[in-house]
Amino acid sequence: MSDDSSKLTVDTRVTVETPEGVDFRFVIAGPGKRGRAFVIDVFVKIAITMLGWLLVVAMTALMTGADYDFQVSGVSVGLMSVLAFSLTWLYGACFEAFWNGQTPGKRSENLRVVRTNGTPVGWFEAFGRNLVLFVDLLPLLVVWPLGTFALFSMAGTRRMQRLGDLVFDTMVIDEAREFVGRAAGITTGVERIPRHECSGRYSVPERTLAVIERLFEGDRLISDGRREEIGRCLSVAIRQRLGFEEPGPDPRNPNTYFTNTPQKHTLFLRRVLKTFAEDPTEADHSSDSLEDVVIEVLEEPEPAPVPTFETATVGDEGEAR
């Protein structure tokens, strides 16, 4: 048996269809990346606890006038208890509610918590799933390691959901960027967006690229005018994020600019799809294209100085002077 056929792959992609008929494709995060994110969050909690302990001891010494000798007092124990309770029950909930479904650990691993319909989580889901985390981390019969219930639950569900995710209808997705195949013909004859046309730093997410691709699918009977009208709002929003400044007409060939003006929004969306959805290593591109898929603000090189020449003035006698 060959090496390729002996490998067992698991498809962790899910597709969520909105009432408007738009498909969002997500990659479900596995236990490995979620475990690493959890460990990072644990270290962050430890660092916050140590910093809080130093602050509490210093404040207690200042208020009581005692020496700064790290002695444990009733006030210190009470404040540290409040801090430990907050980190245990409110750390994940507050970060996920205010930070769009991410904690420091999840952000470092490019993970995000969303509802199963693809929408962002709210306070109720963020607090609820972190409350059930206590049950997910319980060992089984004191023999299996911590997180046994979470592992069994993730192994038995299509979206790899632990008990907290099942109860509150959430899932953890992996937003690590990877180039995927796109429908042929959408970006044919379209140029990538060069750096000098953008002043911001923004990477168009995969979900937005899927919406753009869906707009240009051939099975949709949409006129060019209607497609331009639908894509206008999305085009304007992306332009603002990118800081895109559309160049004016070329004095040498202004006809091209005025010909593309009626479809400027759909043309811009196709350029976005060309720039961010296709693997830049598979196409030839100049140094002015977005090679790193992230728009960077680079200083344009100064133009080379124009050489000057001394001219001689010819007088009436024909002699230069």
Protein backbone atom coordinates (compact mmCIF):
# COMPACT_ATOMS: atom_id res chain seq x y z
CA MET A 1 0.00 0.00 0.00
CA SER A 2 1.41 3.37 -0.97
CA ASP A 3 2.08 6.14 1.49
CA ASP A 4 -0.65 8.35 0.01
CA SER A 5 -3.35 5.69 0.28
CA SER A 6 -2.33 4.75 3.80
CA LYS A 7 -2.98 8.26 5.12
CA LEU A 8 -6.36 8.80 6.70
CA THR A 9 -7.71 12.31 6.27
CA VAL A 10 -10.66 13.83 8.08
CA ASP A 11 -12.73 16.54 6.40
CA THR A 12 -13.31 19.24 9.02
CA ARG A 13 -15.01 21.72 6.70
CA VAL A 14 -18.63 22.70 7.20
CA THR A 15 -20.87 24.85 5.03
CA VAL A 16 -23.50 27.15 6.50
CA GLU A 17 -26.15 28.60 4.20
CA THR A 18 -27.80 31.87 5.14
CA PRO A 19 -31.45 32.72 4.40
CA GLU A 20 -30.15 34.95 1.56
CA GLY A 21 -28.67 31.89 -0.15
CA VAL A 22 -25.03 32.72 0.64
CA ASP A 23 -22.80 29.81 1.64
CA PHE A 24 -20.13 30.31 4.30
CA ARG A 25 -17.43 27.67 4.47
CA PHE A 26 -15.71 27.12 7.82
CA VAL A 27 -12.85 24.91 8.94
CA ILE A 28 -13.54 23.37 12.34
CA ALA A 29 -10.70 23.59 14.85
CA GLY A 30 -9.37 20.26 16.10
CA PRO A 31 -8.43 19.28 19.66
CA GLY A 32 -4.73 19.93 19.00
CA LYS A 33 -5.01 23.64 18.25
CA ARG A 34 -7.73 24.12 20.85
CA GLY A 35 -5.51 22.43 23.42
CA ARG A 36 -2.60 24.73 22.59
CA ALA A 37 -4.87 27.75 22.84
CA PHE A 38 -6.10 26.54 26.24
CA VAL A 39 -2.51 26.14 27.51
CA ILE A 40 -1.63 29.66 26.34
CA ASP A 41 -4.66 31.03 28.17
CA VAL A 42 -3.56 29.18 31.31
CA PHE A 43 -0.15 30.86 31.15
CA VAL A 44 -1.84 34.23 30.64
CA LYS A 45 -3.95 33.61 33.75
CA ILE A 46 -0.84 32.68 35.74
CA ALA A 47 0.91 35.87 34.61
CA ILE A 48 -2.13 37.97 35.58
CA THR A 49 -2.30 36.22 38.97
CA MET A 50 1.38 36.90 39.72
CA LEU A 51 1.05 40.54 38.68
CA GLY A 52 -2.12 40.87 40.74
CA TRP A 53 -0.41 39.36 43.77
CA LEU A 54 2.41 41.90 43.57
CA LEU A 55 -0.05 44.77 43.25
CA VAL A 56 -2.19 43.52 46.13
CA VAL A 57 0.81 43.15 48.44
CA ALA A 58 2.09 46.59 47.52
CA MET A 59 -1.32 48.22 48.05
CA THR A 60 -1.80 46.43 51.37
CA ALA A 61 1.60 47.63 52.57
CA LEU A 62 0.79 51.21 51.59
CA MET A 63 -2.64 51.20 53.23
CA THR A 64 -1.61 49.49 56.47
CA GLY A 65 1.84 51.02 56.76
CA ALA A 66 3.42 47.59 57.17
CA ASP A 67 6.72 46.59 55.68
CA TYR A 68 6.83 45.25 52.13
CA ASP A 69 7.60 41.69 53.22
CA PHE A 70 4.98 39.70 51.21
CA GLN A 71 3.13 38.71 54.36
CA VAL A 72 -0.32 37.24 53.79
CA SER A 73 -3.09 39.31 55.33
CA GLY A 74 -6.82 39.04 55.32
CA VAL A 75 -7.16 41.87 52.83
CA SER A 76 -4.66 40.25 50.47
CA VAL A 77 -6.43 36.90 50.64
CA GLY A 78 -9.79 38.54 49.96
CA LEU A 79 -8.57 40.48 46.93
CA MET A 80 -6.76 37.47 45.52
CA SER A 81 -9.90 35.39 45.94
CA VAL A 82 -11.87 37.91 43.90
CA LEU A 83 -9.16 37.87 41.23
CA ALA A 84 -9.07 34.06 41.12
CA PHE A 85 -12.86 33.89 40.80
CA SER A 86 -12.84 36.44 37.97
CA LEU A 87 -10.11 34.61 36.05
CA THR A 88 -11.84 31.26 36.49
CA TRP A 89 -15.35 32.21 35.44
CA LEU A 90 -15.12 35.54 33.59
CA TYR A 91 -11.79 35.39 31.71
CA GLY A 92 -13.05 33.38 28.73
CA ALA A 93 -16.55 34.87 28.73
CA CYS A 94 -15.39 38.50 28.72
CA PHE A 95 -12.75 37.98 26.06
CA GLU A 96 -15.06 36.02 23.77
CA ALA A 97 -17.90 38.52 24.19
CA PHE A 98 -15.83 41.68 23.72
CA TRP A 99 -13.11 40.31 21.43
CA ASN A 100 -15.40 38.78 18.80
CA GLY A 101 -15.16 35.18 19.98
CA GLN A 102 -11.43 35.11 20.76
CA THR A 103 -9.19 34.87 23.82
CA PRO A 104 -5.43 35.58 23.72
CA GLY A 105 -4.82 31.86 23.27
CA LYS A 106 -7.38 31.52 20.50
CA ARG A 107 -6.08 34.57 18.70
CA SER A 108 -2.54 33.22 18.76
CA GLU A 109 -3.81 30.02 17.11
CA ASN A 110 -6.19 31.84 14.69
CA LEU A 111 -9.29 30.32 16.32
CA ARG A 112 -12.68 31.93 16.88
CA VAL A 113 -15.92 30.94 18.61
CA VAL A 114 -19.06 31.46 16.52
CA ARG A 115 -22.63 30.21 16.55
CA THR A 116 -23.37 27.17 14.44
CA ASN A 117 -25.10 29.45 11.92
CA GLY A 118 -21.87 31.42 11.47
CA THR A 119 -22.89 34.55 13.38
CA PRO A 120 -20.78 36.01 16.21
CA VAL A 121 -21.40 34.86 19.76
CA GLY A 122 -23.01 37.10 22.35
CA TRP A 123 -22.79 37.42 26.11
CA PHE A 124 -25.18 34.53 26.72
CA GLU A 125 -23.26 32.02 24.59
CA ALA A 126 -19.84 33.21 25.75
CA PHE A 127 -20.67 33.00 29.45
CA GLY A 128 -22.64 29.76 29.13
CA ARG A 129 -20.04 27.74 27.25
CA ASN A 130 -17.31 28.84 29.68
CA LEU A 131 -19.53 27.89 32.60
CA VAL A 132 -19.86 24.33 31.28
CA LEU A 133 -16.07 24.21 30.75
CA PHE A 134 -15.79 23.01 34.35
CA VAL A 135 -17.66 19.83 33.38
CA ASP A 136 -15.65 19.40 30.17
CA LEU A 137 -12.37 19.42 32.10
CA LEU A 138 -13.40 16.77 34.62
CA PRO A 139 -11.39 13.53 34.46
CA LEU A 140 -13.11 10.19 33.96
CA LEU A 141 -12.98 7.86 36.98
CA VAL A 142 -9.80 9.65 38.18
CA VAL A 143 -7.89 7.52 35.65
CA TRP A 144 -8.20 9.45 32.42
CA PRO A 145 -6.56 12.89 32.16
CA LEU A 146 -8.32 16.23 32.36
CA GLY A 147 -10.65 17.10 29.51
CA THR A 148 -11.85 13.55 28.89
CA PHE A 149 -15.50 14.57 28.55
CA ALA A 150 -14.53 17.30 26.09
CA LEU A 151 -12.47 14.88 23.97
CA PHE A 152 -15.24 12.27 23.86
CA SER A 153 -17.80 14.93 22.96
CA MET A 154 -15.61 16.37 20.19
CA ALA A 155 -14.91 12.92 18.76
CA GLY A 156 -18.63 12.13 18.55
CA THR A 157 -19.89 15.34 16.92
CA ARG A 158 -19.65 16.57 13.34
CA ARG A 159 -18.46 20.05 14.34
CA MET A 160 -16.10 18.81 17.10
CA GLN A 161 -18.16 20.47 19.81
CA ARG A 162 -17.54 19.97 23.49
CA LEU A 163 -20.41 19.88 25.96
CA GLY A 164 -20.48 23.66 26.35
CA ASP A 165 -20.68 24.10 22.59
CA LEU A 166 -23.51 21.58 22.29
CA VAL A 167 -25.57 23.19 25.02
CA PHE A 168 -25.19 26.75 23.75
CA ASP A 169 -25.08 25.97 20.00
CA THR A 170 -21.54 27.22 19.28
CA MET A 171 -18.49 25.90 17.48
CA VAL A 172 -14.80 26.82 17.24
CA ILE A 173 -13.49 27.54 13.75
CA ASP A 174 -9.95 27.73 12.42
CA GLU A 175 -9.29 30.95 10.54
CA ALA A 176 -5.75 30.15 9.45
CA ARG A 177 -5.49 31.38 5.87
CA GLU A 178 -5.01 28.77 3.21
CA PHE A 179 -5.42 29.20 -0.52
CA VAL A 180 -8.25 27.17 -1.97
CA GLY A 181 -9.31 26.53 -5.52
CA ARG A 182 -11.72 28.99 -7.03
CA ALA A 183 -14.15 28.73 -9.86
CA ALA A 184 -12.40 29.31 -13.16
CA GLY A 185 -13.15 32.40 -15.21
CA ILE A 186 -14.11 34.84 -12.45
CA THR A 187 -10.71 36.53 -12.28
CA THR A 188 -9.67 36.03 -15.90
CA GLY A 189 -8.21 39.20 -17.36
CA VAL A 190 -8.26 40.99 -14.00
CA GLU A 191 -5.17 42.54 -12.44
CA ARG A 192 -4.18 42.24 -8.79
CA ILE A 193 -4.47 45.27 -6.55
CA PRO A 194 -1.05 46.97 -6.35
CA ARG A 195 0.30 48.35 -3.11
CA HIS A 196 0.43 51.96 -4.20
CA GLU A 197 -3.37 52.06 -4.64
CA CYS A 198 -4.00 51.22 -0.96
CA SER A 199 -3.00 53.08 2.19
CA GLY A 200 -4.29 50.61 4.81
CA ARG A 201 -3.30 47.18 6.10
CA TYR A 202 -6.15 44.71 5.87
CA SER A 203 -6.52 41.06 4.87
CA VAL A 204 -9.89 40.14 3.37
CA PRO A 205 -11.18 37.09 5.31
CA GLU A 206 -12.20 33.84 3.69
CA ARG A 207 -15.88 34.34 4.46
CA THR A 208 -15.93 37.60 2.51
CA LEU A 209 -14.14 35.98 -0.41
CA ALA A 210 -16.77 33.23 -0.44
CA VAL A 211 -19.53 35.86 -0.66
CA ILE A 212 -17.77 37.56 -3.59
CA GLU A 213 -17.36 34.26 -5.40
CA ARG A 214 -21.00 33.42 -4.79
CA LEU A 215 -22.00 36.72 -6.41
CA PHE A 216 -20.26 35.76 -9.66
CA GLU A 217 -21.38 32.13 -9.87
CA GLY A 218 -22.79 31.16 -13.25
CA ASP A 219 -25.92 29.51 -11.88
CA ARG A 220 -27.28 32.89 -10.76
CA LEU A 221 -29.34 34.67 -13.41
CA ILE A 222 -28.40 38.22 -12.47
CA SER A 223 -27.95 41.08 -14.89
CA ASP A 224 -24.77 43.11 -14.81
CA GLY A 225 -26.62 46.14 -13.48
CA ARG A 226 -28.25 44.17 -10.68
CA ARG A 227 -24.91 42.53 -9.77
CA GLU A 228 -23.31 45.97 -9.63
CA GLU A 229 -26.06 47.19 -7.33
CA ILE A 230 -25.75 44.17 -5.01
CA GLY A 231 -21.95 44.37 -4.83
CA ARG A 232 -21.83 48.11 -4.21
CA CYS A 233 -22.19 47.94 -0.39
CA LEU A 234 -19.54 45.24 -0.06
CA SER A 235 -17.21 47.07 -2.43
CA VAL A 236 -17.51 50.33 -0.50
CA ALA A 237 -16.82 48.58 2.83
CA ILE A 238 -13.72 46.80 1.51
CA ARG A 239 -12.46 49.98 -0.13
CA GLN A 240 -12.63 51.76 3.23
CA ARG A 241 -10.81 48.94 5.03
CA LEU A 242 -8.07 48.79 2.40
CA GLY A 243 -7.78 52.56 2.01
CA PHE A 244 -8.17 51.97 -1.72
CA GLU A 245 -7.71 55.03 -3.88
CA GLU A 246 -8.92 54.45 -7.39
CA PRO A 247 -6.65 56.04 -9.95
CA GLY A 248 -8.11 58.46 -12.45
CA PRO A 249 -8.30 57.98 -16.20
CA ASP A 250 -5.09 57.42 -18.09
CA PRO A 251 -4.48 60.45 -20.31
CA ARG A 252 -3.12 58.13 -22.99
CA ASN A 253 -6.23 55.91 -23.02
CA PRO A 254 -9.15 57.47 -21.08
CA ASN A 255 -11.70 55.35 -22.90
CA THR A 256 -10.88 52.28 -20.75
CA TYR A 257 -11.63 54.17 -17.52
CA PHE A 258 -15.03 55.44 -18.67
CA THR A 259 -15.92 52.02 -20.12
CA ASN A 260 -15.32 50.28 -16.77
CA THR A 261 -17.03 52.96 -14.65
CA PRO A 262 -20.56 51.42 -14.86
CA GLN A 263 -19.13 48.16 -13.44
CA LYS A 264 -16.47 49.64 -11.18
CA HIS A 265 -17.74 47.88 -8.02
CA THR A 266 -17.97 44.41 -9.55
CA LEU A 267 -14.59 44.93 -11.22
CA PHE A 268 -13.08 45.91 -7.87
CA LEU A 269 -14.56 42.82 -6.19
CA ARG A 270 -13.05 40.61 -8.90
CA ARG A 271 -9.69 42.27 -8.27
CA VAL A 272 -10.08 41.57 -4.55
CA LEU A 273 -10.79 37.93 -5.36
CA LYS A 274 -7.77 37.82 -7.64
CA THR A 275 -5.52 39.36 -4.98
CA PHE A 276 -6.56 37.54 -1.81
CA ALA A 277 -8.04 34.23 -2.97
CA GLU A 278 -5.40 32.99 -5.39
CA ASP A 279 -2.02 31.67 -4.35
CA PRO A 280 0.49 34.35 -5.34
CA THR A 281 3.24 31.72 -5.70
CA GLU A 282 1.42 30.11 -8.62
CA ALA A 283 1.23 33.23 -10.77
CA ASP A 284 3.79 35.59 -12.12
CA HIS A 285 3.56 38.98 -10.53
CA SER A 286 5.70 42.02 -10.18
CA SER A 287 7.10 43.48 -6.98
CA ASP A 288 4.20 45.93 -6.96
CA SER A 289 1.56 43.23 -6.32
CA LEU A 290 0.33 42.00 -2.96
CA GLU A 291 2.74 39.10 -2.54
CA ASP A 292 2.07 38.48 1.15
CA VAL A 293 -1.73 38.62 0.85
CA VAL A 294 -1.66 41.45 3.38
CA ILE A 295 -1.61 45.00 2.15
CA GLU A 296 1.42 46.76 3.52
CA VAL A 297 2.11 50.45 3.52
CA LEU A 298 5.44 50.86 1.77
CA GLU A 299 7.21 54.04 0.88
CA GLU A 300 7.48 54.57 -2.82
CA PRO A 301 11.04 55.06 -4.01
CA GLU A 302 12.02 58.58 -4.85
CA PRO A 303 12.24 59.23 -8.57
CA ALA A 304 15.68 59.33 -10.04
CA PRO A 305 17.04 62.86 -10.50
CA VAL A 306 16.72 64.22 -13.99
CA PRO A 307 20.18 64.96 -15.42
CA THR A 308 20.84 68.57 -16.36
CA PHE A 309 23.02 69.72 -19.20
CA GLU A 310 24.71 73.04 -19.69
CA THR A 311 23.75 74.79 -22.89
CA ALA A 312 25.84 77.28 -24.71
CA THR A 313 24.42 80.50 -26.10
CA VAL A 314 25.39 81.38 -29.63
CA GLY A 315 26.02 85.08 -30.25
CA ASP A 316 25.78 87.14 -33.37
CA GLU A 317 29.26 86.18 -34.39
CA GLY A 318 28.35 82.45 -34.15
CA GLU A 319 30.67 81.93 -31.17
CA ALA A 320 29.42 80.28 -28.04
CA ARG A 321 29.58 82.33 -24.94
